[in-house]
Protein backbone atom coordinates (compact mmCIF):
# COMPACT_ATOMS: atom_id res chain seq x y z
CA MET A 1 117.61 162.61 133.79
CA LYS A 2 119.66 159.57 134.84
CA VAL A 3 119.49 160.75 138.44
CA LEU A 4 115.69 160.77 138.35
CA ALA A 5 115.70 157.27 136.85
CA LEU A 6 117.97 156.02 139.64
CA ILE A 7 115.76 157.61 142.30
CA LEU A 8 112.65 156.05 140.78
CA ALA A 9 114.39 152.68 140.58
CA LEU A 10 115.50 152.83 144.21
CA ALA A 11 112.05 153.98 145.32
CA SER A 12 110.38 151.12 143.42
CA LEU A 13 112.77 148.62 145.01
CA LEU A 14 112.15 150.00 148.50
CA LEU A 15 108.40 149.81 147.91
CA ALA A 16 108.57 146.36 146.31
CA ALA A 17 110.89 144.77 148.90
CA PRO A 18 108.31 144.64 151.74
CA VAL A 19 105.57 143.60 149.29
CA ILE A 20 107.63 140.66 148.01
CA GLU A 21 108.47 139.62 151.58
CA SER A 22 104.82 139.94 152.60
CA GLY A 23 103.45 137.84 149.76
CA THR A 24 104.88 136.62 146.48
CA SER A 25 101.37 136.43 145.01
CA VAL A 26 101.10 140.23 145.16
CA SER A 27 104.41 140.71 143.36
CA THR A 28 103.33 138.14 140.78
CA GLN A 29 100.16 140.12 140.09
CA LEU A 30 102.24 143.28 139.70
CA PHE A 31 104.59 141.55 137.26
CA GLN A 32 101.61 140.24 135.28
CA ALA A 33 100.06 143.72 135.19
CA ILE A 34 103.37 145.27 134.08
CA GLY A 35 103.82 142.57 131.42
CA THR A 36 100.30 143.11 130.09
CA ALA A 37 100.74 146.90 130.06
CA ASP A 38 104.08 146.44 128.30
CA GLY A 39 102.30 144.54 125.54
CA GLY A 40 102.89 140.91 126.54
CA ALA A 41 99.40 139.50 127.12
CA GLY A 42 100.66 136.02 126.23
CA GLY A 43 103.83 136.26 128.27
């Protein structure tokens, strides 16, 4: 199970790296979406 988690983490980083370099605004939107989905509408 831990192996799958590590793979997913690495994959997310590899996919997020170019996005962050391309435009921080995109990463910000992703973080906001994740925060809202996690249950933090107010931050």
